[in-house]
N, C-alpha and C. Protein backbone atom coordinates (compact mmCIF):
# COMPACT_ATOMS: atom_id res chain seq x y z
N MET A 1 -143.63 -135.49 95.76
CA MET A 1 -145.09 -135.58 95.75
C MET A 1 -145.65 -134.42 94.91
N THR A 2 -146.64 -134.75 94.10
CA THR A 2 -147.27 -133.73 93.25
C THR A 2 -148.63 -133.38 93.83
N VAL A 3 -148.82 -132.10 94.12
CA VAL A 3 -150.08 -131.62 94.70
C VAL A 3 -150.74 -130.70 93.68
N GLY A 4 -152.02 -130.97 93.42
CA GLY A 4 -152.80 -130.09 92.54
C GLY A 4 -153.51 -129.04 93.38
N LEU A 5 -153.50 -127.83 92.91
CA LEU A 5 -154.22 -126.73 93.57
C LEU A 5 -155.23 -126.19 92.57
N THR A 6 -156.51 -126.30 92.93
CA THR A 6 -157.54 -125.92 91.97
C THR A 6 -158.67 -125.14 92.67
N GLY A 7 -159.55 -124.62 91.87
CA GLY A 7 -160.69 -123.85 92.38
C GLY A 7 -161.26 -123.03 91.25
N GLY A 8 -162.50 -122.65 91.38
CA GLY A 8 -163.15 -121.86 90.35
C GLY A 8 -162.53 -120.48 90.21
N ILE A 9 -162.86 -119.83 89.11
CA ILE A 9 -162.35 -118.47 88.86
C ILE A 9 -162.76 -117.55 90.01
N GLY A 10 -161.81 -116.77 90.49
CA GLY A 10 -162.08 -115.83 91.57
C GLY A 10 -162.11 -116.44 92.96
N SER A 11 -161.78 -117.73 93.07
CA SER A 11 -161.83 -118.39 94.39
C SER A 11 -160.64 -117.99 95.28
N GLY A 12 -159.55 -117.59 94.64
CA GLY A 12 -158.36 -117.21 95.40
C GLY A 12 -157.23 -118.22 95.31
N LYS A 13 -157.23 -119.02 94.22
CA LYS A 13 -156.15 -119.99 93.99
C LYS A 13 -154.78 -119.34 94.03
N SER A 14 -154.66 -118.21 93.33
CA SER A 14 -153.35 -117.53 93.24
C SER A 14 -152.89 -117.01 94.60
N THR A 15 -153.84 -116.56 95.40
CA THR A 15 -153.51 -116.10 96.76
C THR A 15 -152.97 -117.27 97.57
N VAL A 16 -153.66 -118.40 97.50
CA VAL A 16 -153.23 -119.59 98.23
C VAL A 16 -151.87 -120.07 97.72
N ALA A 17 -151.70 -120.05 96.40
CA ALA A 17 -150.41 -120.46 95.81
C ALA A 17 -149.28 -119.57 96.31
N SER A 18 -149.52 -118.26 96.39
CA SER A 18 -148.47 -117.36 96.86
C SER A 18 -148.16 -117.59 98.34
N LEU A 19 -149.14 -117.99 99.12
CA LEU A 19 -148.90 -118.31 100.54
C LEU A 19 -148.02 -119.55 100.66
N PHE A 20 -148.27 -120.56 99.82
CA PHE A 20 -147.39 -121.74 99.80
C PHE A 20 -146.00 -121.36 99.31
N SER A 21 -145.94 -120.51 98.30
CA SER A 21 -144.65 -120.06 97.76
C SER A 21 -143.83 -119.35 98.84
N ASP A 22 -144.51 -118.54 99.67
CA ASP A 22 -143.82 -117.85 100.77
C ASP A 22 -143.19 -118.84 101.76
N LEU A 23 -143.74 -120.06 101.81
CA LEU A 23 -143.20 -121.10 102.69
C LEU A 23 -142.09 -121.90 102.00
N GLY A 24 -141.77 -121.53 100.76
CA GLY A 24 -140.67 -122.18 100.04
C GLY A 24 -141.09 -123.30 99.09
N VAL A 25 -142.40 -123.51 98.94
CA VAL A 25 -142.89 -124.58 98.08
C VAL A 25 -142.81 -124.15 96.61
N PRO A 26 -142.22 -124.99 95.73
CA PRO A 26 -142.20 -124.64 94.30
C PRO A 26 -143.62 -124.69 93.73
N ILE A 27 -143.99 -123.64 93.03
CA ILE A 27 -145.33 -123.51 92.46
C ILE A 27 -145.24 -123.42 90.94
N TYR A 28 -146.06 -124.19 90.26
CA TYR A 28 -146.18 -124.13 88.81
C TYR A 28 -147.56 -123.59 88.48
N ASN A 29 -147.62 -122.41 87.89
CA ASN A 29 -148.89 -121.78 87.55
C ASN A 29 -149.25 -122.19 86.12
N SER A 30 -150.18 -123.14 86.00
CA SER A 30 -150.53 -123.68 84.69
C SER A 30 -151.05 -122.64 83.71
N ASP A 31 -151.88 -121.71 84.21
CA ASP A 31 -152.47 -120.69 83.36
C ASP A 31 -151.38 -119.79 82.77
N LEU A 32 -150.49 -119.36 83.61
CA LEU A 32 -149.38 -118.49 83.19
C LEU A 32 -148.47 -119.21 82.19
N GLU A 33 -148.12 -120.45 82.53
CA GLU A 33 -147.23 -121.23 81.65
C GLU A 33 -147.91 -121.56 80.32
N ALA A 34 -149.23 -121.81 80.37
CA ALA A 34 -149.96 -122.09 79.12
C ALA A 34 -149.88 -120.88 78.19
N LYS A 35 -150.06 -119.67 78.76
CA LYS A 35 -149.97 -118.45 77.95
C LYS A 35 -148.59 -118.30 77.34
N LYS A 36 -147.55 -118.60 78.12
CA LYS A 36 -146.17 -118.52 77.60
C LYS A 36 -145.99 -119.52 76.45
N LEU A 37 -146.49 -120.73 76.65
CA LEU A 37 -146.35 -121.76 75.61
C LEU A 37 -147.11 -121.37 74.35
N MET A 38 -148.29 -120.75 74.51
CA MET A 38 -149.08 -120.34 73.34
C MET A 38 -148.38 -119.23 72.56
N ASN A 39 -147.43 -118.56 73.20
CA ASN A 39 -146.66 -117.52 72.51
C ASN A 39 -145.30 -118.00 72.01
N SER A 40 -144.82 -119.15 72.52
CA SER A 40 -143.45 -119.55 72.20
C SER A 40 -143.32 -120.85 71.40
N LEU A 41 -144.28 -121.76 71.53
CA LEU A 41 -144.19 -123.04 70.84
C LEU A 41 -144.79 -122.93 69.44
N GLU A 42 -143.95 -122.95 68.43
CA GLU A 42 -144.43 -122.74 67.05
C GLU A 42 -145.50 -123.74 66.62
N PRO A 43 -145.32 -125.06 66.86
CA PRO A 43 -146.38 -125.98 66.44
C PRO A 43 -147.72 -125.70 67.10
N LEU A 44 -147.69 -125.30 68.39
CA LEU A 44 -148.93 -124.97 69.10
C LEU A 44 -149.56 -123.71 68.51
N LYS A 45 -148.73 -122.71 68.22
CA LYS A 45 -149.22 -121.47 67.60
C LYS A 45 -149.92 -121.77 66.28
N GLN A 46 -149.29 -122.64 65.49
CA GLN A 46 -149.87 -122.99 64.19
C GLN A 46 -151.21 -123.70 64.33
N ASP A 47 -151.30 -124.60 65.34
CA ASP A 47 -152.55 -125.33 65.57
C ASP A 47 -153.66 -124.36 66.01
N ILE A 48 -153.32 -123.43 66.88
CA ILE A 48 -154.32 -122.45 67.36
C ILE A 48 -154.79 -121.58 66.20
N GLU A 49 -153.86 -121.10 65.41
CA GLU A 49 -154.20 -120.24 64.29
C GLU A 49 -155.02 -121.00 63.24
N ALA A 50 -154.69 -122.28 63.03
CA ALA A 50 -155.41 -123.09 62.05
C ALA A 50 -156.88 -123.25 62.47
N TYR A 51 -157.12 -123.38 63.76
CA TYR A 51 -158.50 -123.57 64.22
C TYR A 51 -159.25 -122.26 64.42
N PHE A 52 -158.60 -121.29 65.07
CA PHE A 52 -159.31 -120.06 65.45
C PHE A 52 -159.19 -118.93 64.43
N GLY A 53 -158.26 -119.08 63.48
CA GLY A 53 -158.13 -118.07 62.43
C GLY A 53 -156.97 -117.11 62.68
N TYR A 54 -156.69 -116.29 61.67
CA TYR A 54 -155.54 -115.39 61.69
C TYR A 54 -155.61 -114.36 62.81
N GLU A 55 -156.82 -114.06 63.30
CA GLU A 55 -156.96 -113.07 64.39
C GLU A 55 -156.41 -113.57 65.72
N SER A 56 -156.10 -114.87 65.79
CA SER A 56 -155.59 -115.47 67.04
C SER A 56 -154.27 -114.83 67.49
N TYR A 57 -153.50 -114.37 66.52
CA TYR A 57 -152.20 -113.77 66.82
C TYR A 57 -152.08 -112.43 66.12
N SER A 58 -151.42 -111.50 66.81
CA SER A 58 -151.14 -110.21 66.24
C SER A 58 -149.65 -109.97 66.36
N SER A 59 -148.95 -109.87 65.24
CA SER A 59 -147.48 -109.75 65.22
C SER A 59 -146.81 -110.87 66.01
N GLY A 60 -147.37 -112.08 65.87
CA GLY A 60 -146.77 -113.26 66.52
C GLY A 60 -147.13 -113.42 68.00
N ILE A 61 -147.90 -112.49 68.55
CA ILE A 61 -148.28 -112.55 69.97
C ILE A 61 -149.75 -112.94 70.08
N LEU A 62 -150.07 -113.85 71.00
CA LEU A 62 -151.43 -114.31 71.19
C LEU A 62 -152.37 -113.15 71.46
N ASN A 63 -153.48 -113.12 70.72
CA ASN A 63 -154.53 -112.10 70.91
C ASN A 63 -155.46 -112.65 72.01
N LYS A 64 -155.09 -112.41 73.26
CA LYS A 64 -155.81 -113.00 74.39
C LYS A 64 -157.28 -112.64 74.42
N LYS A 65 -157.58 -111.39 74.10
CA LYS A 65 -158.99 -110.96 74.13
C LYS A 65 -159.81 -111.72 73.09
N PHE A 66 -159.27 -111.84 71.89
CA PHE A 66 -159.97 -112.55 70.82
C PHE A 66 -160.21 -114.01 71.22
N ILE A 67 -159.17 -114.66 71.74
CA ILE A 67 -159.31 -116.07 72.15
C ILE A 67 -160.31 -116.20 73.30
N ALA A 68 -160.19 -115.33 74.30
CA ALA A 68 -161.12 -115.38 75.45
C ALA A 68 -162.56 -115.19 74.97
N ASP A 69 -162.77 -114.18 74.12
CA ASP A 69 -164.11 -113.92 73.61
C ASP A 69 -164.64 -115.12 72.82
N SER A 70 -163.74 -115.81 72.12
CA SER A 70 -164.12 -116.97 71.30
C SER A 70 -164.54 -118.16 72.15
N VAL A 71 -163.78 -118.42 73.23
CA VAL A 71 -163.97 -119.70 73.95
C VAL A 71 -164.94 -119.63 75.14
N PHE A 72 -165.05 -118.48 75.79
CA PHE A 72 -165.83 -118.49 77.02
C PHE A 72 -167.33 -118.49 76.81
N SER A 73 -167.77 -118.28 75.59
CA SER A 73 -169.21 -118.41 75.32
C SER A 73 -169.48 -119.61 74.42
N ASP A 74 -168.46 -120.39 74.11
CA ASP A 74 -168.61 -121.53 73.21
C ASP A 74 -167.84 -122.72 73.77
N LYS A 75 -168.57 -123.67 74.37
CA LYS A 75 -167.92 -124.80 75.04
C LYS A 75 -167.12 -125.68 74.07
N LYS A 76 -167.59 -125.77 72.82
CA LYS A 76 -166.88 -126.60 71.83
C LYS A 76 -165.50 -125.99 71.55
N LYS A 77 -165.46 -124.66 71.35
CA LYS A 77 -164.17 -123.99 71.08
C LYS A 77 -163.25 -124.07 72.29
N LEU A 78 -163.83 -123.95 73.49
CA LEU A 78 -163.03 -124.06 74.71
C LEU A 78 -162.42 -125.45 74.81
N ALA A 79 -163.22 -126.48 74.48
CA ALA A 79 -162.71 -127.86 74.52
C ALA A 79 -161.57 -128.05 73.53
N VAL A 80 -161.69 -127.46 72.35
CA VAL A 80 -160.63 -127.56 71.34
C VAL A 80 -159.35 -126.89 71.85
N LEU A 81 -159.49 -125.68 72.39
CA LEU A 81 -158.32 -124.97 72.90
C LEU A 81 -157.64 -125.78 74.00
N ASN A 82 -158.43 -126.31 74.93
CA ASN A 82 -157.88 -127.12 76.01
C ASN A 82 -157.17 -128.35 75.47
N LYS A 83 -157.74 -128.97 74.44
CA LYS A 83 -157.16 -130.17 73.85
C LYS A 83 -155.81 -129.87 73.18
N LEU A 84 -155.68 -128.67 72.65
CA LEU A 84 -154.42 -128.27 72.03
C LEU A 84 -153.36 -127.90 73.08
N VAL A 85 -153.79 -127.19 74.12
CA VAL A 85 -152.83 -126.61 75.07
C VAL A 85 -152.45 -127.54 76.21
N HIS A 86 -153.42 -128.26 76.78
CA HIS A 86 -153.15 -129.04 78.00
C HIS A 86 -152.06 -130.11 77.85
N PRO A 87 -151.99 -130.85 76.73
CA PRO A 87 -150.88 -131.82 76.61
C PRO A 87 -149.50 -131.13 76.65
N GLN A 88 -149.41 -129.95 76.06
CA GLN A 88 -148.14 -129.20 76.08
C GLN A 88 -147.78 -128.75 77.49
N VAL A 89 -148.80 -128.32 78.24
CA VAL A 89 -148.57 -127.89 79.63
C VAL A 89 -148.12 -129.09 80.46
N LYS A 90 -148.73 -130.24 80.22
CA LYS A 90 -148.39 -131.45 80.99
C LYS A 90 -146.91 -131.82 80.78
N VAL A 91 -146.46 -131.77 79.56
CA VAL A 91 -145.06 -132.06 79.24
C VAL A 91 -144.14 -131.05 79.91
N HIS A 92 -144.49 -129.77 79.78
CA HIS A 92 -143.69 -128.69 80.36
C HIS A 92 -143.63 -128.82 81.89
N PHE A 93 -144.77 -129.15 82.52
CA PHE A 93 -144.80 -129.33 83.96
C PHE A 93 -143.86 -130.46 84.39
N SER A 94 -143.90 -131.58 83.69
CA SER A 94 -143.05 -132.72 84.03
C SER A 94 -141.57 -132.34 83.95
N GLN A 95 -141.21 -131.57 82.94
CA GLN A 95 -139.82 -131.10 82.80
C GLN A 95 -139.45 -130.18 83.96
N TRP A 96 -140.36 -129.28 84.32
CA TRP A 96 -140.14 -128.35 85.43
C TRP A 96 -140.00 -129.09 86.75
N LYS A 97 -140.90 -130.06 86.98
CA LYS A 97 -140.90 -130.82 88.24
C LYS A 97 -139.59 -131.56 88.44
N ALA A 98 -139.05 -132.10 87.35
CA ALA A 98 -137.80 -132.87 87.44
C ALA A 98 -136.64 -132.01 87.94
N LYS A 99 -136.75 -130.69 87.80
CA LYS A 99 -135.68 -129.78 88.21
C LYS A 99 -135.86 -129.29 89.66
N GLN A 100 -137.00 -129.62 90.29
CA GLN A 100 -137.25 -129.12 91.64
C GLN A 100 -136.63 -130.05 92.67
N ASN A 101 -136.24 -129.45 93.80
CA ASN A 101 -135.64 -130.23 94.87
C ASN A 101 -136.34 -129.85 96.18
N TYR A 102 -137.55 -130.37 96.34
CA TYR A 102 -138.35 -130.06 97.52
C TYR A 102 -139.24 -131.27 97.81
N ALA A 103 -139.74 -131.36 99.04
CA ALA A 103 -140.56 -132.51 99.43
C ALA A 103 -141.78 -132.68 98.56
N TYR A 104 -142.36 -131.56 98.14
CA TYR A 104 -143.52 -131.62 97.25
C TYR A 104 -143.57 -130.36 96.39
N VAL A 105 -144.28 -130.48 95.27
CA VAL A 105 -144.49 -129.32 94.38
C VAL A 105 -145.99 -129.14 94.21
N ILE A 106 -146.39 -127.92 93.89
CA ILE A 106 -147.80 -127.62 93.64
C ILE A 106 -147.99 -127.16 92.20
N GLN A 107 -148.95 -127.79 91.54
CA GLN A 107 -149.36 -127.31 90.21
C GLN A 107 -150.70 -126.62 90.38
N GLU A 108 -150.71 -125.32 90.15
CA GLU A 108 -151.94 -124.53 90.22
C GLU A 108 -152.65 -124.65 88.88
N SER A 109 -153.86 -125.19 88.90
CA SER A 109 -154.60 -125.39 87.66
C SER A 109 -156.10 -125.29 87.92
N ALA A 110 -156.78 -124.44 87.18
CA ALA A 110 -158.21 -124.23 87.39
C ALA A 110 -159.05 -125.43 86.97
N LEU A 111 -158.52 -126.25 86.06
CA LEU A 111 -159.37 -127.25 85.40
C LEU A 111 -158.99 -128.70 85.70
N ILE A 112 -158.50 -128.99 86.88
CA ILE A 112 -158.09 -130.36 87.21
C ILE A 112 -159.25 -131.34 87.02
N PHE A 113 -160.39 -131.02 87.61
CA PHE A 113 -161.54 -131.95 87.53
C PHE A 113 -162.22 -131.87 86.16
N GLU A 114 -162.27 -130.67 85.59
CA GLU A 114 -162.88 -130.50 84.27
C GLU A 114 -162.14 -131.29 83.21
N GLN A 115 -160.82 -131.41 83.37
CA GLN A 115 -159.99 -132.15 82.40
C GLN A 115 -159.91 -133.63 82.74
N GLY A 116 -160.45 -134.03 83.89
CA GLY A 116 -160.38 -135.44 84.29
C GLY A 116 -158.96 -135.85 84.63
N SER A 117 -158.14 -134.92 85.10
CA SER A 117 -156.74 -135.24 85.36
C SER A 117 -156.42 -135.39 86.86
N GLU A 118 -157.47 -135.64 87.67
CA GLU A 118 -157.24 -135.74 89.11
C GLU A 118 -156.32 -136.90 89.50
N ASN A 119 -156.27 -137.97 88.70
CA ASN A 119 -155.41 -139.11 89.02
C ASN A 119 -153.94 -138.84 88.82
N PHE A 120 -153.62 -137.73 88.18
CA PHE A 120 -152.22 -137.32 87.96
C PHE A 120 -151.57 -136.86 89.27
N TYR A 121 -152.37 -136.48 90.27
CA TYR A 121 -151.86 -135.87 91.50
C TYR A 121 -151.90 -136.84 92.67
N ASP A 122 -150.93 -136.65 93.58
CA ASP A 122 -150.93 -137.43 94.82
C ASP A 122 -151.98 -136.88 95.79
N ARG A 123 -152.15 -135.58 95.79
CA ARG A 123 -153.15 -134.92 96.64
C ARG A 123 -153.69 -133.70 95.88
N ILE A 124 -154.96 -133.34 96.17
CA ILE A 124 -155.56 -132.17 95.53
C ILE A 124 -156.14 -131.25 96.59
N ILE A 125 -155.79 -129.96 96.47
CA ILE A 125 -156.34 -128.92 97.32
C ILE A 125 -157.35 -128.13 96.50
N LEU A 126 -158.55 -127.97 97.04
CA LEU A 126 -159.60 -127.18 96.37
C LEU A 126 -159.80 -125.90 97.16
N VAL A 127 -159.76 -124.76 96.47
CA VAL A 127 -160.02 -123.47 97.09
C VAL A 127 -161.43 -123.05 96.69
N ILE A 128 -162.26 -122.73 97.69
CA ILE A 128 -163.61 -122.27 97.41
C ILE A 128 -163.85 -120.92 98.08
N ALA A 129 -164.82 -120.20 97.57
CA ALA A 129 -165.20 -118.89 98.13
C ALA A 129 -166.66 -118.64 97.76
N PRO A 130 -167.34 -117.78 98.50
CA PRO A 130 -168.74 -117.45 98.15
C PRO A 130 -168.83 -116.90 96.72
N LEU A 131 -169.90 -117.27 96.02
CA LEU A 131 -170.07 -116.89 94.62
C LEU A 131 -169.97 -115.39 94.40
N GLU A 132 -170.65 -114.60 95.21
CA GLU A 132 -170.64 -113.16 95.01
C GLU A 132 -169.24 -112.56 95.18
N ALA A 133 -168.50 -113.10 96.15
CA ALA A 133 -167.12 -112.65 96.36
C ALA A 133 -166.26 -112.98 95.13
N ARG A 134 -166.47 -114.16 94.56
CA ARG A 134 -165.72 -114.56 93.37
C ARG A 134 -166.03 -113.61 92.21
N ILE A 135 -167.31 -113.33 92.00
CA ILE A 135 -167.72 -112.45 90.90
C ILE A 135 -167.06 -111.07 91.05
N GLN A 136 -167.12 -110.51 92.26
CA GLN A 136 -166.58 -109.18 92.50
C GLN A 136 -165.05 -109.16 92.31
N ARG A 137 -164.36 -110.23 92.76
CA ARG A 137 -162.89 -110.30 92.59
C ARG A 137 -162.53 -110.26 91.11
N VAL A 138 -163.25 -111.05 90.29
CA VAL A 138 -162.92 -111.13 88.86
C VAL A 138 -163.25 -109.82 88.16
N ILE A 139 -164.39 -109.22 88.50
CA ILE A 139 -164.77 -107.94 87.88
C ILE A 139 -163.69 -106.88 88.16
N SER A 140 -163.25 -106.81 89.42
CA SER A 140 -162.25 -105.78 89.76
C SER A 140 -160.86 -106.13 89.21
N ARG A 141 -160.55 -107.42 89.09
CA ARG A 141 -159.24 -107.85 88.61
C ARG A 141 -159.10 -107.70 87.08
N ASP A 142 -160.15 -108.12 86.36
CA ASP A 142 -160.06 -108.20 84.89
C ASP A 142 -160.85 -107.13 84.16
N ASN A 143 -161.53 -106.24 84.90
CA ASN A 143 -162.45 -105.29 84.28
C ASN A 143 -163.50 -106.00 83.43
N SER A 144 -163.94 -107.16 83.90
CA SER A 144 -164.93 -107.95 83.18
C SER A 144 -166.34 -107.44 83.53
N GLN A 145 -167.27 -107.82 82.67
CA GLN A 145 -168.69 -107.58 82.95
C GLN A 145 -169.21 -108.77 83.74
N ARG A 146 -170.22 -108.55 84.54
CA ARG A 146 -170.80 -109.60 85.38
C ARG A 146 -171.19 -110.83 84.53
N HIS A 147 -171.84 -110.63 83.39
CA HIS A 147 -172.28 -111.76 82.57
C HIS A 147 -171.09 -112.56 82.03
N GLN A 148 -169.96 -111.88 81.76
CA GLN A 148 -168.76 -112.57 81.29
C GLN A 148 -168.21 -113.49 82.38
N VAL A 149 -168.20 -112.98 83.61
CA VAL A 149 -167.71 -113.77 84.74
C VAL A 149 -168.62 -114.98 84.94
N LEU A 150 -169.93 -114.77 84.87
CA LEU A 150 -170.86 -115.88 85.03
C LEU A 150 -170.72 -116.92 83.92
N ASP A 151 -170.41 -116.48 82.69
CA ASP A 151 -170.14 -117.42 81.59
C ASP A 151 -168.95 -118.30 81.94
N ARG A 152 -167.90 -117.67 82.45
CA ARG A 152 -166.68 -118.42 82.78
C ARG A 152 -166.93 -119.37 83.93
N ILE A 153 -167.67 -118.93 84.94
CA ILE A 153 -168.02 -119.80 86.06
C ILE A 153 -168.87 -120.98 85.55
N GLY A 154 -169.74 -120.70 84.58
CA GLY A 154 -170.60 -121.74 84.00
C GLY A 154 -169.83 -122.82 83.25
N ASN A 155 -168.61 -122.51 82.83
CA ASN A 155 -167.77 -123.48 82.13
C ASN A 155 -167.00 -124.38 83.10
N GLN A 156 -167.13 -124.13 84.40
CA GLN A 156 -166.41 -124.92 85.39
C GLN A 156 -167.40 -125.74 86.20
N ILE A 157 -166.93 -126.86 86.71
CA ILE A 157 -167.75 -127.71 87.58
C ILE A 157 -168.03 -126.94 88.86
N ALA A 158 -169.25 -127.07 89.39
CA ALA A 158 -169.64 -126.37 90.62
C ALA A 158 -168.80 -126.85 91.81
N ASP A 159 -168.52 -125.91 92.73
CA ASP A 159 -167.73 -126.25 93.94
C ASP A 159 -168.31 -127.45 94.67
N GLU A 160 -169.64 -127.48 94.80
CA GLU A 160 -170.30 -128.57 95.54
C GLU A 160 -169.92 -129.94 94.98
N ASP A 161 -169.75 -130.01 93.66
CA ASP A 161 -169.42 -131.26 93.00
C ASP A 161 -167.93 -131.60 93.13
N LYS A 162 -167.10 -130.59 93.38
CA LYS A 162 -165.66 -130.83 93.48
C LYS A 162 -165.21 -131.15 94.91
N ILE A 163 -166.00 -130.72 95.89
CA ILE A 163 -165.59 -130.89 97.30
C ILE A 163 -165.30 -132.35 97.63
N ASN A 164 -166.17 -133.25 97.19
CA ASN A 164 -165.97 -134.68 97.50
C ASN A 164 -164.79 -135.29 96.74
N LEU A 165 -164.34 -134.62 95.68
CA LEU A 165 -163.23 -135.15 94.88
C LEU A 165 -161.87 -134.69 95.39
N ALA A 166 -161.86 -133.64 96.20
CA ALA A 166 -160.60 -133.07 96.69
C ALA A 166 -160.16 -133.72 98.00
N ASP A 167 -158.85 -133.70 98.25
CA ASP A 167 -158.31 -134.21 99.51
C ASP A 167 -158.42 -133.16 100.60
N PHE A 168 -158.25 -131.90 100.23
CA PHE A 168 -158.29 -130.79 101.19
C PHE A 168 -159.11 -129.67 100.59
N VAL A 169 -159.89 -128.97 101.41
CA VAL A 169 -160.69 -127.84 100.96
C VAL A 169 -160.35 -126.62 101.81
N ILE A 170 -160.00 -125.53 101.13
CA ILE A 170 -159.72 -124.27 101.83
C ILE A 170 -160.86 -123.30 101.50
N LYS A 171 -161.57 -122.89 102.55
CA LYS A 171 -162.62 -121.86 102.38
C LYS A 171 -161.94 -120.51 102.50
N ASN A 172 -161.80 -119.83 101.37
CA ASN A 172 -161.04 -118.60 101.30
C ASN A 172 -161.96 -117.38 101.46
N LYS A 173 -162.17 -116.99 102.71
CA LYS A 173 -162.98 -115.80 102.98
C LYS A 173 -162.13 -114.69 103.57
N LYS A 174 -161.43 -115.00 104.67
CA LYS A 174 -160.59 -114.00 105.34
C LYS A 174 -159.13 -114.42 105.23
N LEU A 175 -158.27 -113.50 104.81
CA LEU A 175 -156.87 -113.82 104.52
C LEU A 175 -156.14 -114.42 105.73
N ASN A 176 -156.35 -113.86 106.92
CA ASN A 176 -155.66 -114.39 108.10
C ASN A 176 -156.00 -115.85 108.35
N LYS A 177 -157.27 -116.18 108.20
CA LYS A 177 -157.71 -117.56 108.40
C LYS A 177 -157.11 -118.46 107.31
N THR A 178 -157.11 -117.97 106.06
CA THR A 178 -156.55 -118.73 104.95
C THR A 178 -155.07 -118.99 105.19
N LYS A 179 -154.34 -117.97 105.68
CA LYS A 179 -152.90 -118.15 106.00
C LYS A 179 -152.70 -119.25 107.02
N ALA A 180 -153.52 -119.27 108.06
CA ALA A 180 -153.39 -120.28 109.12
C ALA A 180 -153.67 -121.69 108.56
N ILE A 181 -154.67 -121.79 107.69
CA ILE A 181 -155.02 -123.09 107.08
C ILE A 181 -153.86 -123.57 106.21
N VAL A 182 -153.28 -122.67 105.43
CA VAL A 182 -152.16 -123.02 104.54
C VAL A 182 -150.97 -123.52 105.37
N LEU A 183 -150.67 -122.87 106.46
CA LEU A 183 -149.56 -123.27 107.32
C LEU A 183 -149.77 -124.69 107.85
N GLU A 184 -150.98 -124.98 108.33
CA GLU A 184 -151.30 -126.32 108.82
C GLU A 184 -151.21 -127.36 107.70
N LEU A 185 -151.75 -126.99 106.54
CA LEU A 185 -151.74 -127.90 105.40
C LEU A 185 -150.32 -128.18 104.92
N HIS A 186 -149.47 -127.16 104.97
CA HIS A 186 -148.07 -127.31 104.60
C HIS A 186 -147.40 -128.37 105.48
N LYS A 187 -147.64 -128.30 106.79
CA LYS A 187 -147.07 -129.28 107.71
C LYS A 187 -147.59 -130.68 107.39
N THR A 188 -148.88 -130.79 107.10
CA THR A 188 -149.49 -132.08 106.74
C THR A 188 -148.86 -132.65 105.48
N LEU A 189 -148.67 -131.79 104.46
CA LEU A 189 -148.11 -132.25 103.19
C LEU A 189 -146.65 -132.66 103.35
N LEU A 190 -145.91 -131.94 104.19
CA LEU A 190 -144.52 -132.34 104.46
C LEU A 190 -144.48 -133.71 105.11
N ASP A 191 -145.39 -133.97 106.06
CA ASP A 191 -145.46 -135.28 106.71
C ASP A 191 -145.82 -136.37 105.70
N LEU A 192 -146.79 -136.09 104.83
CA LEU A 192 -147.24 -137.07 103.84
C LEU A 192 -146.15 -137.40 102.81
N SER A 193 -145.28 -136.43 102.54
CA SER A 193 -144.27 -136.64 101.51
C SER A 193 -143.04 -137.41 102.03
N ASN A 194 -142.96 -137.61 103.32
CA ASN A 194 -141.82 -138.37 103.89
C ASN A 194 -142.08 -139.86 103.88
């Protein structure tokens, strides 16, 4: 069974993913794998450089700051980047999934609904958190400015619109409560996968 794990920036997706991982569930972090692919797949590197320019890479390594600055204030550029990268991630995920031997796997991806890929998953978990908590988490994690975080949040569908599309919603406020919810959800997903 393929489970999608999604949520807006700063919602705590990675925290929830690590809690599932602690229970033995194989986790595929789409963001991390996308960055690896942007540094290792030559055809993808060439496509990115052709669109975004020579500054996209420095000594063959993705210039993350340049790309982030380019796409997070320009929806057209973000759409182009996603169109280049997401098909490669999808292929890589399928290859990874084929090697797993567990009742279910989780693909952590921020943009499941934004990409219209919800039908790819058997079940979807949405992680939500209060807006101010999300902003503060991202500022402290990435050394971002408040307006940069709000730009990135603005590029994602609002939580309220995603809640009805998800199979399960985790309100990530207190870690102990989130841990308990993940444990219950793990049991539910194991039952569903049998």
